[in-house]
């Protein structure tokens, strides 16, 4: 068992160790989730993935992230637009890193 791992989900990469809590893009899952796309496990670097490595996580909750404001303005044109966006996310607790 190594100290940390880097894995990929939702087009993003996350550096985790056992016991961490992370926010990832929405996953349609409940209970335990396994991730096979492990890019790095301690000192081992995959090409592109480390064979036989898995990360096991538990879904804590499904929720929406904080609001991100998008503001557009064109000077001297009296043009202003404000839009808000809230991304759906899944909160995961990393329980185990197998390699």
Protein backbone atom coordinates (compact mmCIF):
# COMPACT_ATOMS: atom_id res chain seq x y z
CA UNK A 1 0.00 0.00 0.00
CA UNK A 2 1.47 3.33 -1.06
CA UNK A 3 1.19 6.82 0.37
CA UNK A 4 -0.79 8.41 -2.44
CA UNK A 5 -2.19 7.85 -5.91
CA UNK A 6 -3.22 9.95 -8.88
CA UNK A 7 -6.33 8.86 -10.77
CA UNK A 8 -8.55 10.24 -13.47
CA UNK A 9 -12.32 10.66 -13.61
CA UNK A 10 -14.57 13.10 -15.42
CA UNK A 11 -11.66 14.37 -17.52
CA UNK A 12 -9.78 15.59 -14.44
CA UNK A 13 -6.97 14.16 -12.35
CA UNK A 14 -6.95 13.93 -8.55
CA UNK A 15 -4.12 13.24 -6.08
CA UNK A 16 -5.51 11.26 -3.14
CA UNK A 17 -4.50 9.17 -0.18
CA UNK A 18 -6.58 6.90 2.03
CA UNK A 19 -9.00 8.88 4.19
CA UNK A 20 -9.24 11.93 1.89
CA UNK A 21 -12.56 13.52 0.97
CA UNK A 22 -12.80 14.94 -2.56
CA UNK A 23 -15.38 16.54 -4.85
CA UNK A 24 -15.62 15.08 -8.38
CA UNK A 25 -18.00 15.57 -11.28
CA UNK A 26 -21.36 13.86 -10.84
CA UNK A 27 -21.26 10.06 -10.82
CA UNK A 28 -24.44 8.00 -11.10
CA UNK A 29 -23.53 5.73 -8.21
CA UNK A 30 -24.35 4.96 -4.60
CA UNK A 31 -22.34 3.08 -2.00
CA UNK A 32 -18.83 2.05 -3.05
CA UNK A 33 -17.15 3.10 -6.31
CA UNK A 34 -13.98 1.68 -7.90
CA UNK A 35 -11.61 3.63 -10.14
CA UNK A 36 -9.33 1.66 -12.49
CA UNK A 37 -7.72 4.60 -14.29
CA UNK A 38 -4.82 5.04 -11.86
CA UNK A 39 -2.07 7.12 -13.47
CA UNK A 40 0.44 6.99 -10.64
CA UNK A 41 0.74 4.90 -7.49
CA UNK A 42 3.50 6.08 -5.15
CA UNK A 43 6.67 5.75 -7.25
CA UNK A 44 5.09 3.67 -10.02
CA UNK A 45 4.11 5.64 -13.10
CA UNK A 46 1.70 3.99 -15.52
CA UNK A 47 1.85 3.92 -19.30
CA UNK A 48 -0.83 5.31 -19.32
CA UNK A 49 -2.36 3.42 -16.36
CA UNK A 50 -0.83 1.32 -13.58
CA UNK A 51 -1.94 -2.27 -14.18
CA UNK A 52 -3.82 -3.91 -11.32
CA UNK A 53 -4.17 -0.68 -9.33
CA UNK A 54 -7.58 0.32 -7.97
CA UNK A 55 -8.95 3.07 -5.80
CA UNK A 56 -12.03 2.30 -3.72
CA UNK A 57 -14.18 5.19 -2.53
CA UNK A 58 -17.51 5.60 -0.78
CA UNK A 59 -20.12 8.09 -2.00
CA UNK A 60 -20.81 10.51 0.84
CA UNK A 61 -23.40 12.69 -0.93
CA UNK A 62 -24.68 13.99 -4.24
CA UNK A 63 -25.07 17.77 -4.26
CA UNK A 64 -24.56 20.96 -6.21
CA UNK A 65 -21.37 22.98 -5.88
CA UNK A 66 -21.16 26.66 -4.99
CA UNK A 67 -22.43 29.16 -7.51
CA UNK A 68 -19.99 30.56 -10.06
CA UNK A 69 -20.92 33.99 -11.40
CA UNK A 70 -20.24 34.81 -15.04
CA UNK A 71 -20.25 38.55 -15.78
CA UNK A 72 -20.01 40.07 -19.26
CA UNK A 73 -19.60 43.76 -20.01
CA UNK A 74 -18.92 45.89 -23.07
CA UNK A 75 -17.74 49.32 -22.13
CA UNK A 76 -19.68 52.39 -23.25
CA UNK A 77 -22.46 50.23 -24.71
CA UNK A 78 -24.67 49.89 -21.60
CA UNK A 79 -24.28 46.10 -21.97
CA UNK A 80 -24.04 44.01 -18.81
CA UNK A 81 -25.06 40.36 -18.32
CA UNK A 82 -24.77 38.27 -15.18
CA UNK A 83 -25.31 34.52 -15.24
CA UNK A 84 -24.86 31.97 -12.49
CA UNK A 85 -23.91 28.31 -12.75
CA UNK A 86 -24.02 25.50 -10.19
CA UNK A 87 -22.30 22.25 -11.12
CA UNK A 88 -23.64 18.88 -9.95
CA UNK A 89 -20.95 17.09 -7.93
CA UNK A 90 -20.38 13.90 -5.98
CA UNK A 91 -18.51 13.96 -2.66
CA UNK A 92 -16.29 10.89 -2.22
CA UNK A 93 -14.35 9.53 0.75
CA UNK A 94 -11.33 7.48 -0.32
CA UNK A 95 -11.36 4.26 1.71
CA UNK A 96 -8.60 2.16 0.17
CA UNK A 97 -5.83 2.26 -2.43
CA UNK A 98 -4.92 -1.16 -3.86
CA UNK A 99 -1.87 -1.75 -5.97
